[in-house]
Every structure is written in C-alpha cells, then in structure tokens.
Amino acid sequence: MSSCEDGLVGKRDDLREYLPLTESTYYIMLALSRPLHGYAVMQRVAELSRGTVTVGPGTLYGAFVTLEQQKLIEKVGEEGRRKVYALTALGNRVLAAHAERLKTMTRAGSEARGRR
C-alpha cells in the first residue's frame, strides 16, 4: 500500500521516522496484531514479554493516543464500553521494520561475542 492509499502523502514513505520503538510500544503493537481492547492488550503484553514488560492503564492509553495520531493503530470496534484497537497497514509495516532491527541487533551481538 502506498502512502497515498494511506491518505498520507510523502511523510509515511520512510518508516525510519517511527524507529526505534520503545520496548513497551513494540509489545503494545505486537499485541495489536489482532484486535483487542485495552485490558486484553495489557495481559497480552505481559504474556508476549514473558512477564518482563508490564504496562499500566496510563501508559497504555497514552500510547493508544500517540499510535492513533501516527496512524499506526485504529479503533475497529467496541465491546460494551471497551474500545477495540488493531494495527493499521502502516502499523504492520513499522512493526515488521522494528522486528528486522531487532534481528540485526541480535545477530551483531552474537557475532561480537564470537557466536553465530
């Protein structure tokens, strides 16, 4: 999908403007690979990070505001009073780009320590 299809001309072509993601933002976006409401996102982040990352409501909802403004996530529905969010196509591309950064960092770290 081109940036024009996103409705954002030019600015979104370079994913590097979004990178690197913070650890909590990475896990929030990873959790939103499937549509979830806020509490489910907090639970999924803890699960995905094997308990090493926890996000509280203030952090999560602040991240939701920022990620929505950046067009990386969008509200896709509601379950009662709970808003359900999911990644946008742009969000998926940013998440994939960050995952590649992490692979590169891991590989470089292994090589620097004499491992392959």
PDB file of N, CA and C in Angstrom:
ATOM      1  N   MET A   1       0.857  -1.176   0.000  1.00  0.00           N
ATOM      2  CA  MET A   1       0.000   0.000   0.000  1.00  0.00           C
ATOM      3  C   MET A   1       0.896   1.229   0.000  1.00  0.00           C
ATOM      4  N   SER A   2       0.632   2.159  -0.857  1.00  0.00           N
ATOM      5  CA  SER A   2       1.427   3.379  -0.923  1.00  0.00           C
ATOM      6  C   SER A   2       0.949   4.371   0.114  1.00  0.00           C
ATOM      7  N   SER A   3       1.780   5.386   0.357  1.00  0.00           N
ATOM      8  CA  SER A   3       1.384   6.406   1.318  1.00  0.00           C
ATOM      9  C   SER A   3       0.151   7.162   0.838  1.00  0.00           C
ATOM     10  N   CYS A   4      -0.038   7.252  -0.460  1.00  0.00           N
ATOM     11  CA  CYS A   4      -1.225   7.933  -0.973  1.00  0.00           C
ATOM     12  C   CYS A   4      -2.474   7.147  -0.602  1.00  0.00           C
ATOM     13  N   GLU A   5      -2.396   5.799  -0.641  1.00  0.00           N
ATOM     14  CA  GLU A   5      -3.525   4.980  -0.248  1.00  0.00           C
ATOM     15  C   GLU A   5      -3.823   5.144   1.233  1.00  0.00           C
ATOM     16  N   ASP A   6      -2.801   5.395   2.039  1.00  0.00           N
ATOM     17  CA  ASP A   6      -2.986   5.653   3.462  1.00  0.00           C
ATOM     18  C   ASP A   6      -3.619   7.018   3.676  1.00  0.00           C
ATOM     19  N   GLY A   7      -3.652   7.855   2.641  1.00  0.00           N
ATOM     20  CA  GLY A   7      -4.139   9.212   2.789  1.00  0.00           C
ATOM     21  C   GLY A   7      -3.084  10.146   3.341  1.00  0.00           C
ATOM     22  N   LEU A   8      -1.849   9.703   3.354  1.00  0.00           N
ATOM     23  CA  LEU A   8      -0.752  10.491   3.915  1.00  0.00           C
ATOM     24  C   LEU A   8       0.334  10.594   2.855  1.00  0.00           C
ATOM     25  N   VAL A   9       0.407  11.698   2.214  1.00  0.00           N
ATOM     26  CA  VAL A   9       1.317  11.851   1.090  1.00  0.00           C
ATOM     27  C   VAL A   9       2.732  12.124   1.572  1.00  0.00           C
ATOM     28  N   GLY A  10       3.701  11.345   1.059  1.00  0.00           N
ATOM     29  CA  GLY A  10       5.110  11.590   1.275  1.00  0.00           C
ATOM     30  C   GLY A  10       5.632  11.266   2.657  1.00  0.00           C
ATOM     31  N   LYS A  11       5.035  11.786   3.681  1.00  0.00           N
ATOM     32  CA  LYS A  11       5.557  11.700   5.037  1.00  0.00           C
ATOM     33  C   LYS A  11       5.751  10.270   5.517  1.00  0.00           C
ATOM     34  N   ARG A  12       4.914   9.345   5.132  1.00  0.00           N
ATOM     35  CA  ARG A  12       4.936   7.986   5.662  1.00  0.00           C
ATOM     36  C   ARG A  12       5.809   7.034   4.842  1.00  0.00           C
ATOM     37  N   ASP A  13       6.435   7.525   3.780  1.00  0.00           N
ATOM     38  CA  ASP A  13       7.250   6.655   2.945  1.00  0.00           C
ATOM     39  C   ASP A  13       8.463   6.112   3.685  1.00  0.00           C
ATOM     40  N   ASP A  14       9.015   6.876   4.615  1.00  0.00           N
ATOM     41  CA  ASP A  14      10.214   6.487   5.322  1.00  0.00           C
ATOM     42  C   ASP A  14       9.847   5.998   6.718  1.00  0.00           C
ATOM     43  N   LEU A  15       9.839   4.697   6.908  1.00  0.00           N
ATOM     44  CA  LEU A  15       9.459   4.116   8.191  1.00  0.00           C
ATOM     45  C   LEU A  15      10.450   4.435   9.297  1.00  0.00           C
ATOM     46  N   ARG A  16      11.653   4.864   8.927  1.00  0.00           N
ATOM     47  CA  ARG A  16      12.668   5.162   9.939  1.00  0.00           C
ATOM     48  C   ARG A  16      12.235   6.263  10.892  1.00  0.00           C
ATOM     49  N   GLU A  17      11.305   7.112  10.476  1.00  0.00           N
ATOM     50  CA  GLU A  17      10.854   8.176  11.378  1.00  0.00           C
ATOM     51  C   GLU A  17      10.133   7.614  12.600  1.00  0.00           C
ATOM     52  N   TYR A  18       9.674   6.370  12.534  1.00  0.00           N
ATOM     53  CA  TYR A  18       8.974   5.736  13.648  1.00  0.00           C
ATOM     54  C   TYR A  18       9.892   4.886  14.515  1.00  0.00           C
ATOM     55  N   LEU A  19      11.102   4.679  14.056  1.00  0.00           N
ATOM     56  CA  LEU A  19      12.019   3.734  14.701  1.00  0.00           C
ATOM     57  C   LEU A  19      13.139   4.449  15.431  1.00  0.00           C
ATOM     58  N   PRO A  20      13.660   3.857  16.476  1.00  0.00           N
ATOM     59  CA  PRO A  20      13.238   2.597  17.061  1.00  0.00           C
ATOM     60  C   PRO A  20      11.991   2.793  17.917  1.00  0.00           C
ATOM     61  N   LEU A  21      11.255   1.720  18.104  1.00  0.00           N
ATOM     62  CA  LEU A  21      10.118   1.727  19.006  1.00  0.00           C
ATOM     63  C   LEU A  21      10.632   1.501  20.428  1.00  0.00           C
ATOM     64  N   THR A  22       9.945   2.059  21.404  1.00  0.00           N
ATOM     65  CA  THR A  22      10.280   1.715  22.778  1.00  0.00           C
ATOM     66  C   THR A  22       9.847   0.275  23.018  1.00  0.00           C
ATOM     67  N   GLU A  23      10.379  -0.313  24.051  1.00  0.00           N
ATOM     68  CA  GLU A  23      10.033  -1.696  24.356  1.00  0.00           C
ATOM     69  C   GLU A  23       8.532  -1.848  24.600  1.00  0.00           C
ATOM     70  N   SER A  24       7.949  -0.940  25.371  1.00  0.00           N
ATOM     71  CA  SER A  24       6.519  -1.057  25.653  1.00  0.00           C
ATOM     72  C   SER A  24       5.691  -0.834  24.388  1.00  0.00           C
ATOM     73  N   THR A  25       6.076   0.130  23.549  1.00  0.00           N
ATOM     74  CA  THR A  25       5.348   0.372  22.303  1.00  0.00           C
ATOM     75  C   THR A  25       5.445  -0.836  21.379  1.00  0.00           C
ATOM     76  N   TYR A  26       6.618  -1.439  21.308  1.00  0.00           N
ATOM     77  CA  TYR A  26       6.781  -2.650  20.490  1.00  0.00           C
ATOM     78  C   TYR A  26       5.800  -3.735  20.939  1.00  0.00           C
ATOM     79  N   TYR A  27       5.749  -3.999  22.227  1.00  0.00           N
ATOM     80  CA  TYR A  27       4.863  -5.050  22.718  1.00  0.00           C
ATOM     81  C   TYR A  27       3.394  -4.687  22.569  1.00  0.00           C
ATOM     82  N   ILE A  28       3.051  -3.416  22.748  1.00  0.00           N
ATOM     83  CA  ILE A  28       1.661  -2.994  22.534  1.00  0.00           C
ATOM     84  C   ILE A  28       1.267  -3.233  21.080  1.00  0.00           C
ATOM     85  N   MET A  29       2.131  -2.820  20.159  1.00  0.00           N
ATOM     86  CA  MET A  29       1.830  -3.021  18.743  1.00  0.00           C
ATOM     87  C   MET A  29       1.789  -4.501  18.392  1.00  0.00           C
ATOM     88  N   LEU A  30       2.694  -5.271  18.953  1.00  0.00           N
ATOM     89  CA  LEU A  30       2.703  -6.713  18.713  1.00  0.00           C
ATOM     90  C   LEU A  30       1.403  -7.349  19.206  1.00  0.00           C
ATOM     91  N   ALA A  31       0.943  -6.920  20.370  1.00  0.00           N
ATOM     92  CA  ALA A  31      -0.326  -7.424  20.906  1.00  0.00           C
ATOM     93  C   ALA A  31      -1.479  -7.081  19.973  1.00  0.00           C
ATOM     94  N   LEU A  32      -1.401  -5.913  19.346  1.00  0.00           N
ATOM     95  CA  LEU A  32      -2.485  -5.460  18.467  1.00  0.00           C
ATOM     96  C   LEU A  32      -2.397  -6.045  17.059  1.00  0.00           C
ATOM     97  N   SER A  33      -1.589  -7.076  16.894  1.00  0.00           N
ATOM     98  CA  SER A  33      -1.589  -7.809  15.626  1.00  0.00           C
ATOM     99  C   SER A  33      -2.952  -8.448  15.402  1.00  0.00           C
ATOM    100  N   ARG A  34      -3.696  -8.580  16.483  1.00  0.00           N
ATOM    101  CA  ARG A  34      -5.108  -8.984  16.392  1.00  0.00           C
ATOM    102  C   ARG A  34      -5.901  -7.970  17.212  1.00  0.00           C
ATOM    103  N   PRO A  35      -7.126  -7.696  16.835  1.00  0.00           N
ATOM    104  CA  PRO A  35      -7.912  -6.669  17.542  1.00  0.00           C
ATOM    105  C   PRO A  35      -8.124  -7.022  19.016  1.00  0.00           C
ATOM    106  N   LEU A  36      -7.845  -6.051  19.888  1.00  0.00           N
ATOM    107  CA  LEU A  36      -8.001  -6.245  21.328  1.00  0.00           C
ATOM    108  C   LEU A  36      -8.433  -4.942  21.989  1.00  0.00           C
ATOM    109  N   HIS A  37      -9.050  -5.053  23.149  1.00  0.00           N
ATOM    110  CA  HIS A  37      -9.343  -3.880  23.967  1.00  0.00           C
ATOM    111  C   HIS A  37      -8.193  -3.691  24.956  1.00  0.00           C
ATOM    112  N   GLY A  38      -8.187  -2.560  25.621  1.00  0.00           N
ATOM    113  CA  GLY A  38      -7.062  -2.173  26.463  1.00  0.00           C
ATOM    114  C   GLY A  38      -6.627  -3.187  27.495  1.00  0.00           C
ATOM    115  N   TYR A  39      -7.565  -3.702  28.293  1.00  0.00           N
ATOM    116  CA  TYR A  39      -7.188  -4.659  29.334  1.00  0.00           C
ATOM    117  C   TYR A  39      -6.569  -5.910  28.715  1.00  0.00           C
ATOM    118  N   ALA A  40      -7.128  -6.370  27.602  1.00  0.00           N
ATOM    119  CA  ALA A  40      -6.574  -7.552  26.920  1.00  0.00           C
ATOM    120  C   ALA A  40      -5.172  -7.256  26.386  1.00  0.00           C
ATOM    121  N   VAL A  41      -4.935  -6.008  25.955  1.00  0.00           N
ATOM    122  CA  VAL A  41      -3.590  -5.630  25.489  1.00  0.00           C
ATOM    123  C   VAL A  41      -2.603  -5.730  26.654  1.00  0.00           C
ATOM    124  N   MET A  42      -2.983  -5.219  27.820  1.00  0.00           N
ATOM    125  CA  MET A  42      -2.089  -5.289  28.984  1.00  0.00           C
ATOM    126  C   MET A  42      -1.745  -6.738  29.316  1.00  0.00           C
ATOM    127  N   GLN A  43      -2.731  -7.622  29.266  1.00  0.00           N
ATOM    128  CA  GLN A  43      -2.498  -9.041  29.536  1.00  0.00           C
ATOM    129  C   GLN A  43      -1.601  -9.668  28.468  1.00  0.00           C
ATOM    130  N   ARG A  44      -1.865  -9.330  27.210  1.00  0.00           N
ATOM    131  CA  ARG A  44      -1.090  -9.903  26.096  1.00  0.00           C
ATOM    132  C   ARG A  44       0.362  -9.433  26.125  1.00  0.00           C
ATOM    133  N   VAL A  45       0.588  -8.167  26.493  1.00  0.00           N
ATOM    134  CA  VAL A  45       1.959  -7.651  26.606  1.00  0.00           C
ATOM    135  C   VAL A  45       2.730  -8.456  27.653  1.00  0.00           C
ATOM    136  N   ALA A  46       2.124  -8.684  28.803  1.00  0.00           N
ATOM    137  CA  ALA A  46       2.782  -9.474  29.844  1.00  0.00           C
ATOM    138  C   ALA A  46       3.082 -10.889  29.348  1.00  0.00           C
ATOM    139  N   GLU A  47       2.136 -11.474  28.611  1.00  0.00           N
ATOM    140  CA  GLU A  47       2.312 -12.822  28.067  1.00  0.00           C
ATOM    141  C   GLU A  47       3.432 -12.857  27.025  1.00  0.00           C
ATOM    142  N   LEU A  48       3.377 -11.940  26.062  1.00  0.00           N
ATOM    143  CA  LEU A  48       4.375 -11.921  24.985  1.00  0.00           C
ATOM    144  C   LEU A  48       5.787 -11.672  25.508  1.00  0.00           C
ATOM    145  N   SER A  49       5.894 -10.830  26.538  1.00  0.00           N
ATOM    146  CA  SER A  49       7.208 -10.479  27.079  1.00  0.00           C
ATOM    147  C   SER A  49       7.656 -11.430  28.184  1.00  0.00           C
ATOM    148  N   ARG A  50       6.858 -12.465  28.403  1.00  0.00           N
ATOM    149  CA  ARG A  50       7.134 -13.443  29.461  1.00  0.00           C
ATOM    150  C   ARG A  50       7.290 -12.752  30.814  1.00  0.00           C
ATOM    151  N   GLY A  51       6.445 -11.747  31.027  1.00  0.00           N
ATOM    152  CA  GLY A  51       6.408 -11.049  32.298  1.00  0.00           C
ATOM    153  C   GLY A  51       7.461  -9.989  32.506  1.00  0.00           C
ATOM    154  N   THR A  52       8.295  -9.747  31.492  1.00  0.00           N
ATOM    155  CA  THR A  52       9.360  -8.754  31.655  1.00  0.00           C
ATOM    156  C   THR A  52       8.892  -7.331  31.414  1.00  0.00           C
ATOM    157  N   VAL A  53       7.743  -7.179  30.754  1.00  0.00           N
ATOM    158  CA  VAL A  53       7.185  -5.849  30.486  1.00  0.00           C
ATOM    159  C   VAL A  53       5.745  -5.843  30.963  1.00  0.00           C
ATOM    160  N   THR A  54       5.419  -4.842  31.766  1.00  0.00           N
ATOM    161  CA  THR A  54       4.033  -4.624  32.146  1.00  0.00           C
ATOM    162  C   THR A  54       3.690  -3.181  31.803  1.00  0.00           C
ATOM    163  N   VAL A  55       2.504  -2.980  31.310  1.00  0.00           N
ATOM    164  CA  VAL A  55       2.049  -1.622  31.017  1.00  0.00           C
ATOM    165  C   VAL A  55       0.798  -1.354  31.834  1.00  0.00           C
ATOM    166  N   GLY A  56       0.803  -0.222  32.487  1.00  0.00           N
ATOM    167  CA  GLY A  56      -0.364   0.190  33.253  1.00  0.00           C
ATOM    168  C   GLY A  56      -1.330   0.938  32.363  1.00  0.00           C
ATOM    169  N   PRO A  57      -2.517   1.216  32.883  1.00  0.00           N
ATOM    170  CA  PRO A  57      -3.540   1.904  32.092  1.00  0.00           C
ATOM    171  C   PRO A  57      -3.087   3.268  31.566  1.00  0.00           C
ATOM    172  N   GLY A  58      -2.392   4.047  32.381  1.00  0.00           N
ATOM    173  CA  GLY A  58      -1.952   5.371  31.928  1.00  0.00           C
ATOM    174  C   GLY A  58      -0.986   5.287  30.766  1.00  0.00           C
ATOM    175  N   THR A  59      -0.016   4.388  30.871  1.00  0.00           N
ATOM    176  CA  THR A  59       0.958   4.184  29.795  1.00  0.00           C
ATOM    177  C   THR A  59       0.260   3.689  28.541  1.00  0.00           C
ATOM    178  N   LEU A  60      -0.629   2.713  28.725  1.00  0.00           N
ATOM    179  CA  LEU A  60      -1.312   2.119  27.580  1.00  0.00           C
ATOM    180  C   LEU A  60      -2.168   3.139  26.841  1.00  0.00           C
ATOM    181  N   TYR A  61      -2.983   3.874  27.565  1.00  0.00           N
ATOM    182  CA  TYR A  61      -3.889   4.800  26.887  1.00  0.00           C
ATOM    183  C   TYR A  61      -3.136   5.994  26.305  1.00  0.00           C
ATOM    184  N   GLY A  62      -2.039   6.388  26.924  1.00  0.00           N
ATOM    185  CA  GLY A  62      -1.182   7.405  26.317  1.00  0.00           C
ATOM    186  C   GLY A  62      -0.591   6.906  25.010  1.00  0.00           C
ATOM    187  N   ALA A  63      -0.169   5.632  25.011  1.00  0.00           N
ATOM    188  CA  ALA A  63       0.365   5.022  23.788  1.00  0.00           C
ATOM    189  C   ALA A  63      -0.716   4.924  22.727  1.00  0.00           C
ATOM    190  N   PHE A  64      -1.936   4.542  23.127  1.00  0.00           N
ATOM    191  CA  PHE A  64      -3.035   4.465  22.166  1.00  0.00           C
ATOM    192  C   PHE A  64      -3.253   5.809  21.474  1.00  0.00           C
ATOM    193  N   VAL A  65      -3.247   6.887  22.235  1.00  0.00           N
ATOM    194  CA  VAL A  65      -3.452   8.231  21.654  1.00  0.00           C
ATOM    195  C   VAL A  65      -2.360   8.528  20.631  1.00  0.00           C
ATOM    196  N   THR A  66      -1.110   8.320  21.030  1.00  0.00           N
ATOM    197  CA  THR A  66       0.017   8.600  20.137  1.00  0.00           C
ATOM    198  C   THR A  66      -0.028   7.716  18.895  1.00  0.00           C
ATOM    199  N   LEU A  67      -0.238   6.423  19.077  1.00  0.00           N
ATOM    200  CA  LEU A  67      -0.254   5.491  17.944  1.00  0.00           C
ATOM    201  C   LEU A  67      -1.411   5.773  16.996  1.00  0.00           C
ATOM    202  N   GLU A  68      -2.548   6.196  17.540  1.00  0.00           N
ATOM    203  CA  GLU A  68      -3.676   6.585  16.680  1.00  0.00           C
ATOM    204  C   GLU A  68      -3.336   7.838  15.884  1.00  0.00           C
ATOM    205  N   GLN A  69      -2.719   8.826  16.537  1.00  0.00           N
ATOM    206  CA  GLN A  69      -2.341  10.059  15.841  1.00  0.00           C
ATOM    207  C   GLN A  69      -1.345   9.773  14.719  1.00  0.00           C
ATOM    208  N   GLN A  70      -0.467   8.799  14.938  1.00  0.00           N
ATOM    209  CA  GLN A  70       0.522   8.427  13.924  1.00  0.00           C
ATOM    210  C   GLN A  70      -0.052   7.490  12.860  1.00  0.00           C
ATOM    211  N   LYS A  71      -1.311   7.113  13.011  1.00  0.00           N
ATOM    212  CA  LYS A  71      -1.997   6.205  12.082  1.00  0.00           C
ATOM    213  C   LYS A  71      -1.396   4.801  12.098  1.00  0.00           C
ATOM    214  N   LEU A  72      -0.826   4.394  13.241  1.00  0.00           N
ATOM    215  CA  LEU A  72      -0.261   3.056  13.372  1.00  0.00           C
ATOM    216  C   LEU A  72      -1.284   2.062  13.921  1.00  0.00           C
ATOM    217  N   ILE A  73      -2.278   2.569  14.649  1.00  0.00           N
ATOM    218  CA  ILE A  73      -3.385   1.745  15.111  1.00  0.00           C
ATOM    219  C   ILE A  73      -4.679   2.495  14.825  1.00  0.00           C
ATOM    220  N   GLU A  74      -5.784   1.756  14.877  1.00  0.00           N
ATOM    221  CA  GLU A  74      -7.087   2.388  14.700  1.00  0.00           C
ATOM    222  C   GLU A  74      -8.116   1.652  15.536  1.00  0.00           C
ATOM    223  N   LYS A  75      -9.148   2.374  15.937  1.00  0.00           N
ATOM    224  CA  LYS A  75     -10.260   1.756  16.646  1.00  0.00           C
ATOM    225  C   LYS A  75     -11.073   0.982  15.616  1.00  0.00           C
ATOM    226  N   VAL A  76     -11.321  -0.292  15.908  1.00  0.00           N
ATOM    227  CA  VAL A  76     -12.041  -1.140  14.954  1.00  0.00           C
ATOM    228  C   VAL A  76     -13.379  -1.618  15.485  1.00  0.00           C
ATOM    229  N   GLY A  77     -13.703  -1.255  16.715  1.00  0.00           N
ATOM    230  CA  GLY A  77     -14.981  -1.664  17.264  1.00  0.00           C
ATOM    231  C   GLY A  77     -15.070  -1.354  18.742  1.00  0.00           C
ATOM    232  N   GLU A  78     -16.155  -1.825  19.332  1.00  0.00           N
ATOM    233  CA  GLU A  78     -16.364  -1.665  20.766  1.00  0.00           C
ATOM    234  C   GLU A  78     -17.010  -2.915  21.312  1.00  0.00           C
ATOM    235  N   GLU A  79     -16.610  -3.281  22.514  1.00  0.00           N
ATOM    236  CA  GLU A  79     -17.218  -4.386  23.259  1.00  0.00           C
ATOM    237  C   GLU A  79     -17.780  -3.760  24.521  1.00  0.00           C
ATOM    238  N   GLY A  80     -19.047  -3.424  24.491  1.00  0.00           N
ATOM    239  CA  GLY A  80     -19.622  -2.677  25.603  1.00  0.00           C
ATOM    240  C   GLY A  80     -18.990  -1.298  25.638  1.00  0.00           C
ATOM    241  N   ARG A  81     -18.384  -0.965  26.777  1.00  0.00           N
ATOM    242  CA  ARG A  81     -17.703   0.335  26.894  1.00  0.00           C
ATOM    243  C   ARG A  81     -16.249   0.266  26.444  1.00  0.00           C
ATOM    244  N   ARG A  82     -15.760  -0.911  26.154  1.00  0.00           N
ATOM    245  CA  ARG A  82     -14.353  -1.093  25.791  1.00  0.00           C
ATOM    246  C   ARG A  82     -14.140  -0.844  24.305  1.00  0.00           C
ATOM    247  N   LYS A  83     -13.152  -0.001  24.003  1.00  0.00           N
ATOM    248  CA  LYS A  83     -12.777   0.246  22.615  1.00  0.00           C
ATOM    249  C   LYS A  83     -11.791  -0.830  22.173  1.00  0.00           C
ATOM    250  N   VAL A  84     -11.977  -1.323  20.977  1.00  0.00           N
ATOM    251  CA  VAL A  84     -11.119  -2.369  20.416  1.00  0.00           C
ATOM    252  C   VAL A  84     -10.238  -1.734  19.348  1.00  0.00           C
ATOM    253  N   TYR A  85      -8.935  -2.001  19.439  1.00  0.00           N
ATOM    254  CA  TYR A  85      -7.955  -1.431  18.517  1.00  0.00           C
ATOM    255  C   TYR A  85      -7.229  -2.533  17.758  1.00  0.00           C
ATOM    256  N   ALA A  86      -6.693  -2.168  16.599  1.00  0.00           N
ATOM    257  CA  ALA A  86      -5.873  -3.083  15.803  1.00  0.00           C
ATOM    258  C   ALA A  86      -4.836  -2.261  15.049  1.00  0.00           C
ATOM    259  N   LEU A  87      -3.800  -2.931  14.595  1.00  0.00           N
ATOM    260  CA  LEU A  87      -2.787  -2.278  13.767  1.00  0.00           C
ATOM    261  C   LEU A  87      -3.368  -1.887  12.419  1.00  0.00           C
ATOM    262  N   THR A  88      -2.901  -0.788  11.889  1.00  0.00           N
ATOM    263  CA  THR A  88      -3.201  -0.418  10.508  1.00  0.00           C
ATOM    264  C   THR A  88      -2.160  -1.073   9.602  1.00  0.00           C
ATOM    265  N   ALA A  89      -2.321  -0.934   8.318  1.00  0.00           N
ATOM    266  CA  ALA A  89      -1.314  -1.444   7.378  1.00  0.00           C
ATOM    267  C   ALA A  89       0.031  -0.776   7.644  1.00  0.00           C
ATOM    268  N   LEU A  90       0.005   0.530   7.899  1.00  0.00           N
ATOM    269  CA  LEU A  90       1.240   1.241   8.231  1.00  0.00           C
ATOM    270  C   LEU A  90       1.836   0.699   9.521  1.00  0.00           C
ATOM    271  N   GLY A  91       1.002   0.453  10.520  1.00  0.00           N
ATOM    272  CA  GLY A  91       1.471  -0.111  11.779  1.00  0.00           C
ATOM    273  C   GLY A  91       2.135  -1.457  11.589  1.00  0.00           C
ATOM    274  N   ASN A  92       1.565  -2.287  10.728  1.00  0.00           N
ATOM    275  CA  ASN A  92       2.173  -3.585  10.422  1.00  0.00           C
ATOM    276  C   ASN A  92       3.548  -3.416   9.794  1.00  0.00           C
ATOM    277  N   ARG A  93       3.678  -2.452   8.892  1.00  0.00           N
ATOM    278  CA  ARG A  93       4.983  -2.215   8.250  1.00  0.00           C
ATOM    279  C   ARG A  93       6.013  -1.719   9.258  1.00  0.00           C
ATOM    280  N   VAL A  94       5.603  -0.830  10.150  1.00  0.00           N
ATOM    281  CA  VAL A  94       6.519  -0.315  11.170  1.00  0.00           C
ATOM    282  C   VAL A  94       6.932  -1.442  12.115  1.00  0.00           C
ATOM    283  N   LEU A  95       5.978  -2.260  12.520  1.00  0.00           N
ATOM    284  CA  LEU A  95       6.290  -3.381  13.407  1.00  0.00           C
ATOM    285  C   LEU A  95       7.269  -4.347  12.745  1.00  0.00           C
ATOM    286  N   ALA A  96       7.065  -4.644  11.465  1.00  0.00           N
ATOM    287  CA  ALA A  96       7.982  -5.531  10.739  1.00  0.00           C
ATOM    288  C   ALA A  96       9.372  -4.910  10.625  1.00  0.00           C
ATOM    289  N   ALA A  97       9.433  -3.611  10.376  1.00  0.00           N
ATOM    290  CA  ALA A  97      10.727  -2.932  10.271  1.00  0.00           C
ATOM    291  C   ALA A  97      11.463  -2.972  11.605  1.00  0.00           C
ATOM    292  N   HIS A  98      10.733  -2.796  12.697  1.00  0.00           N
ATOM    293  CA  HIS A  98      11.371  -2.852  14.021  1.00  0.00           C
ATOM    294  C   HIS A  98      11.862  -4.273  14.317  1.00  0.00           C
ATOM    295  N   ALA A  99      11.075  -5.275  13.939  1.00  0.00           N
ATOM    296  CA  ALA A  99      11.489  -6.664  14.143  1.00  0.00           C
ATOM    297  C   ALA A  99      12.785  -6.952  13.389  1.00  0.00           C
ATOM    298  N   GLU A 100      12.927  -6.401  12.182  1.00  0.00           N
ATOM    299  CA  GLU A 100      14.181  -6.557  11.425  1.00  0.00           C
ATOM    300  C   GLU A 100      15.340  -5.890  12.144  1.00  0.00           C
ATOM    301  N   ARG A 101      15.092  -4.712  12.726  1.00  0.00           N
ATOM    302  CA  ARG A 101      16.125  -4.028  13.532  1.00  0.00           C
ATOM    303  C   ARG A 101      16.576  -4.924  14.681  1.00  0.00           C
ATOM    304  N   LEU A 102      15.609  -5.553  15.349  1.00  0.00           N
ATOM    305  CA  LEU A 102      15.940  -6.422  16.480  1.00  0.00           C
ATOM    306  C   LEU A 102      16.756  -7.629  16.028  1.00  0.00           C
ATOM    307  N   LYS A 103      16.414  -8.204  14.875  1.00  0.00           N
ATOM    308  CA  LYS A 103      17.185  -9.327  14.337  1.00  0.00           C
ATOM    309  C   LYS A 103      18.623  -8.902  14.071  1.00  0.00           C
ATOM    310  N   THR A 104      18.785  -7.725  13.466  1.00  0.00           N
ATOM    311  CA  THR A 104      20.121  -7.218  13.166  1.00  0.00           C
ATOM    312  C   THR A 104      20.914  -7.008  14.449  1.00  0.00           C
ATOM    313  N   MET A 105      20.273  -6.440  15.454  1.00  0.00           N
ATOM    314  CA  MET A 105      20.945  -6.208  16.732  1.00  0.00           C
ATOM    315  C   MET A 105      21.357  -7.525  17.390  1.00  0.00           C
ATOM    316  N   THR A 106      20.469  -8.521  17.351  1.00  0.00           N
ATOM    317  CA  THR A 106      20.764  -9.820  17.950  1.00  0.00           C
ATOM    318  C   THR A 106      21.914 -10.498  17.228  1.00  0.00           C
ATOM    319  N   ARG A 107      21.869 -10.454  15.903  1.00  0.00           N
ATOM    320  CA  ARG A 107      22.935 -11.060  15.101  1.00  0.00           C
ATOM    321  C   ARG A 107      24.272 -10.380  15.386  1.00  0.00           C
ATOM    322  N   ALA A 108      24.281  -9.053  15.414  1.00  0.00           N
ATOM    323  CA  ALA A 108      25.515  -8.306  15.682  1.00  0.00           C
ATOM    324  C   ALA A 108      26.050  -8.617  17.071  1.00  0.00           C
ATOM    325  N   GLY A 109      25.150  -8.728  18.039  1.00  0.00           N
ATOM    326  CA  GLY A 109      25.572  -9.056  19.397  1.00  0.00           C
ATOM    327  C   GLY A 109      26.193 -10.447  19.473  1.00  0.00           C
ATOM    328  N   SER A 110      25.590 -11.393  18.791  1.00  0.00           N
ATOM    329  CA  SER A 110      26.127 -12.758  18.768  1.00  0.00           C
ATOM    330  C   SER A 110      27.490 -12.791  18.089  1.00  0.00           C
ATOM    331  N   GLU A 111      27.616 -12.108  16.974  1.00  0.00           N
ATOM    332  CA  GLU A 111      28.889 -12.075  16.246  1.00  0.00           C
ATOM    333  C   GLU A 111      29.970 -11.387  17.055  1.00  0.00           C
ATOM    334  N   ALA A 112      29.625 -10.322  17.741  1.00  0.00           N
ATOM    335  CA  ALA A 112      30.604  -9.580  18.539  1.00  0.00           C
ATOM    336  C   ALA A 112      31.113 -10.424  19.715  1.00  0.00           C
ATOM    337  N   ARG A 113      30.284 -11.341  20.179  1.00  0.00           N
ATOM    338  CA  ARG A 113      30.692 -12.206  21.286  1.00  0.00           C
ATOM    339  C   ARG A 113      31.267 -13.523  20.774  1.00  0.00           C
ATOM    340  N   GLY A 114      31.483 -13.637  19.461  1.00  0.00           N
ATOM    341  CA  GLY A 114      32.110 -14.825  18.876  1.00  0.00           C
ATOM    342  C   GLY A 114      31.175 -15.986  18.668  1.00  0.00           C
ATOM    343  N   ARG A 115      29.863 -15.721  18.630  1.00  0.00           N
ATOM    344  CA  ARG A 115      28.879 -16.778  18.386  1.00  0.00           C
ATOM    345  C   ARG A 115      28.221 -16.558  17.043  1.00  0.00           C
ATOM    346  N   ARG A 116      27.665 -17.604  16.500  1.00  0.00           N
ATOM    347  CA  ARG A 116      26.921 -17.479  15.248  1.00  0.00           C
ATOM    348  C   ARG A 116      25.572 -18.060  15.379  1.00  0.00           C
TER     349      ARG A 116
END
